[in-house]
Protein backbone atom coordinates (compact mmCIF):
# COMPACT_ATOMS: atom_id res chain seq x y z
CA UNK A 1 15.07 8.84 -4.54
CA UNK A 2 13.87 11.40 -1.96
CA UNK A 3 10.55 11.65 -0.24
CA UNK A 4 9.11 14.70 1.50
CA UNK A 5 6.40 14.03 4.06
CA UNK A 6 3.69 16.64 4.30
CA UNK A 7 0.91 16.83 6.75
CA UNK A 8 -2.25 15.00 5.48
CA UNK A 9 -5.76 16.22 6.00
CA UNK A 10 -5.70 14.52 9.45
CA UNK A 11 -2.46 16.24 10.36
CA UNK A 12 -0.27 13.18 10.11
CA UNK A 13 2.83 12.94 7.95
CA UNK A 14 2.04 11.55 4.55
CA UNK A 15 3.42 11.02 1.14
CA UNK A 16 1.19 10.89 -1.92
CA UNK A 17 2.05 10.48 -5.60
CA UNK A 18 0.24 9.51 -8.80
CA UNK A 19 1.60 6.86 -11.11
CA UNK A 20 0.69 5.46 -14.54
CA UNK A 21 -1.53 2.42 -14.34
CA UNK A 22 1.05 0.01 -15.76
CA UNK A 23 3.06 -2.97 -14.37
CA UNK A 24 6.31 -1.04 -14.32
CA UNK A 25 4.87 1.31 -11.71
CA UNK A 26 4.91 -1.41 -9.02
CA UNK A 27 8.75 -1.30 -8.86
CA UNK A 28 8.76 2.48 -8.50
CA UNK A 29 6.13 2.36 -5.72
CA UNK A 30 8.01 -0.29 -3.86
CA UNK A 31 11.17 1.87 -3.95
CA UNK A 32 9.16 4.89 -2.80
CA UNK A 33 7.63 3.04 0.15
CA UNK A 34 11.03 1.82 1.09
CA UNK A 35 12.44 5.38 1.05
CA UNK A 36 9.59 6.79 2.99
CA UNK A 37 9.71 4.13 5.72
CA UNK A 38 13.50 4.42 6.03
CA UNK A 39 13.13 8.24 6.33
CA UNK A 40 10.59 7.74 9.07
CA UNK A 41 13.00 5.31 10.82
CA UNK A 42 10.63 2.34 10.29
CA UNK A 43 12.88 -0.04 8.38
CA UNK A 44 11.30 -3.04 10.05
CA UNK A 45 8.08 -2.32 8.09
CA UNK A 46 9.85 -2.09 4.65
CA UNK A 47 9.50 -5.79 3.71
CA UNK A 48 5.80 -6.11 4.69
CA UNK A 49 5.06 -2.72 3.06
CA UNK A 50 6.72 -3.76 -0.17
CA UNK A 51 4.61 -6.96 -0.39
CA UNK A 52 1.40 -5.07 0.39
CA UNK A 53 2.15 -2.28 -2.14
CA UNK A 54 2.97 -4.82 -4.81
CA UNK A 55 -0.43 -6.49 -4.41
CA UNK A 56 -2.43 -3.26 -4.21
CA UNK A 57 -0.76 -1.80 -7.30
CA UNK A 58 -1.17 -5.05 -9.20
CA UNK A 59 -4.95 -4.97 -8.44
CA UNK A 60 -5.13 -1.35 -9.60
CA UNK A 61 -3.21 -2.13 -12.80
CA UNK A 62 -5.28 -5.27 -13.64
CA UNK A 63 -8.72 -4.08 -12.56
CA UNK A 64 -9.09 -0.30 -12.40
CA UNK A 65 -9.86 2.22 -15.09
CA UNK A 66 -8.15 5.43 -16.14
CA UNK A 67 -4.52 6.24 -16.91
CA UNK A 68 -3.37 6.60 -13.32
CA UNK A 69 -3.66 5.50 -9.73
CA UNK A 70 -2.56 7.27 -6.56
CA UNK A 71 -0.33 5.83 -3.88
CA UNK A 72 -0.44 7.23 -0.37
CA UNK A 73 1.48 6.27 2.74
CA UNK A 74 0.46 8.00 5.99
CA UNK A 75 2.23 7.63 9.45
CA UNK A 76 -0.80 7.28 11.64
CA UNK A 77 1.19 6.76 14.85
CA UNK A 78 4.74 6.20 16.05
CA UNK A 79 4.80 2.55 14.94
CA UNK A 80 1.91 2.42 12.46
CA UNK A 81 1.44 3.36 8.85
CA UNK A 82 -1.47 3.21 6.43
CA UNK A 83 -0.69 2.25 2.78
CA UNK A 84 -3.40 3.05 0.19
CA UNK A 85 -3.92 2.87 -3.50
CA UNK A 86 -6.69 4.98 -5.00
CA UNK A 87 -8.12 4.31 -8.37
CA UNK A 88 -11.09 5.17 -10.57
CA UNK A 89 -12.97 1.86 -10.36
CA UNK A 90 -15.95 1.35 -8.02
CA UNK A 91 -15.41 -2.43 -8.21
CA UNK A 92 -14.27 -3.57 -4.73
CA UNK A 93 -11.60 -6.26 -4.58
CA UNK A 94 -12.74 -9.67 -3.36
CA UNK A 95 -10.60 -12.00 -1.31
CA UNK A 96 -10.48 -15.36 -3.16
CA UNK A 97 -9.37 -18.79 -2.21
CA UNK A 98 -7.65 -20.06 -5.30
CA UNK A 99 -6.74 -23.64 -5.91
CA UNK A 100 -3.01 -24.52 -5.73
CA UNK A 101 -2.69 -24.64 -9.52
CA UNK A 102 -4.26 -21.21 -10.17
CA UNK A 103 -1.78 -18.43 -10.99
CA UNK A 104 -3.82 -15.49 -9.66
CA UNK A 105 -6.18 -14.69 -6.79
CA UNK A 106 -3.87 -14.53 -3.74
CA UNK A 107 -3.18 -10.78 -3.59
CA UNK A 108 -5.65 -9.88 -0.89
CA UNK A 109 -4.52 -12.90 1.17
CA UNK A 110 -1.00 -11.51 1.06
CA UNK A 111 -2.31 -8.04 2.08
CA UNK A 112 -4.21 -9.61 4.95
CA UNK A 113 -1.21 -11.64 6.09
CA UNK A 114 1.11 -8.61 6.35
CA UNK A 115 -1.29 -6.00 7.67
CA UNK A 116 -3.08 -5.51 11.01
CA UNK A 117 -6.19 -4.36 9.13
CA UNK A 118 -7.23 -3.63 5.55
CA UNK A 119 -10.29 -2.28 3.85
CA UNK A 120 -11.94 -0.38 1.03
CA UNK A 121 -13.33 3.12 1.21
CA UNK A 122 -15.76 3.99 -1.62
CA UNK A 123 -15.21 7.41 -3.21
CA UNK A 124 -17.40 9.45 -5.45
CA UNK A 125 -15.21 8.69 -8.47
CA UNK A 126 -13.55 5.38 -7.47
CA UNK A 127 -12.18 3.70 -4.34
CA UNK A 128 -9.31 3.63 -1.85
CA UNK A 129 -7.88 0.22 -0.88
CA UNK A 130 -5.83 0.54 2.25
CA UNK A 131 -3.77 -1.59 4.67
CA UNK A 132 -2.41 -0.76 8.15
CA UNK A 133 1.03 -2.02 9.08
CA UNK A 134 2.25 -1.85 12.61
CA UNK A 135 5.23 -3.01 14.54
CA UNK A 136 7.98 -1.91 16.91
CA UNK A 137 11.51 -2.52 15.79
CA UNK A 138 13.11 -5.58 17.34
CA UNK A 139 15.78 -4.89 19.89
CA UNK A 140 18.85 -7.09 19.96
CA UNK A 141 19.84 -8.61 23.30
CA UNK A 142 23.15 -7.47 24.72
């Protein structure tokens, strides 16, 4: 899989792709975020990004409308990326506190745990749910 970064509207390198709103898309998006971050020499962000993307895509698949959603990853600084999923629903996600026996409701807690910030931007025709990930690579002692 290859990824080509293009300047976004703010001039930062970005990758953006639309996917079908189906569960199988989560694996494809995880693979794409891995490819993009490795291309940008940010392999230390791959694991957290895969967790965040999996949750954002799951929310779009389960709760949005329309056939597709859009995935965007933008390099906002040398050590920071913004991951976003855009869908056609105006319903904002709500962070829940599920009981230990509940199977669902932990997605935004996972997003919050792996990101430095997250939020929702309302759009005319839907919303953008985003999360910022940041971190410098660990250096190994000599």
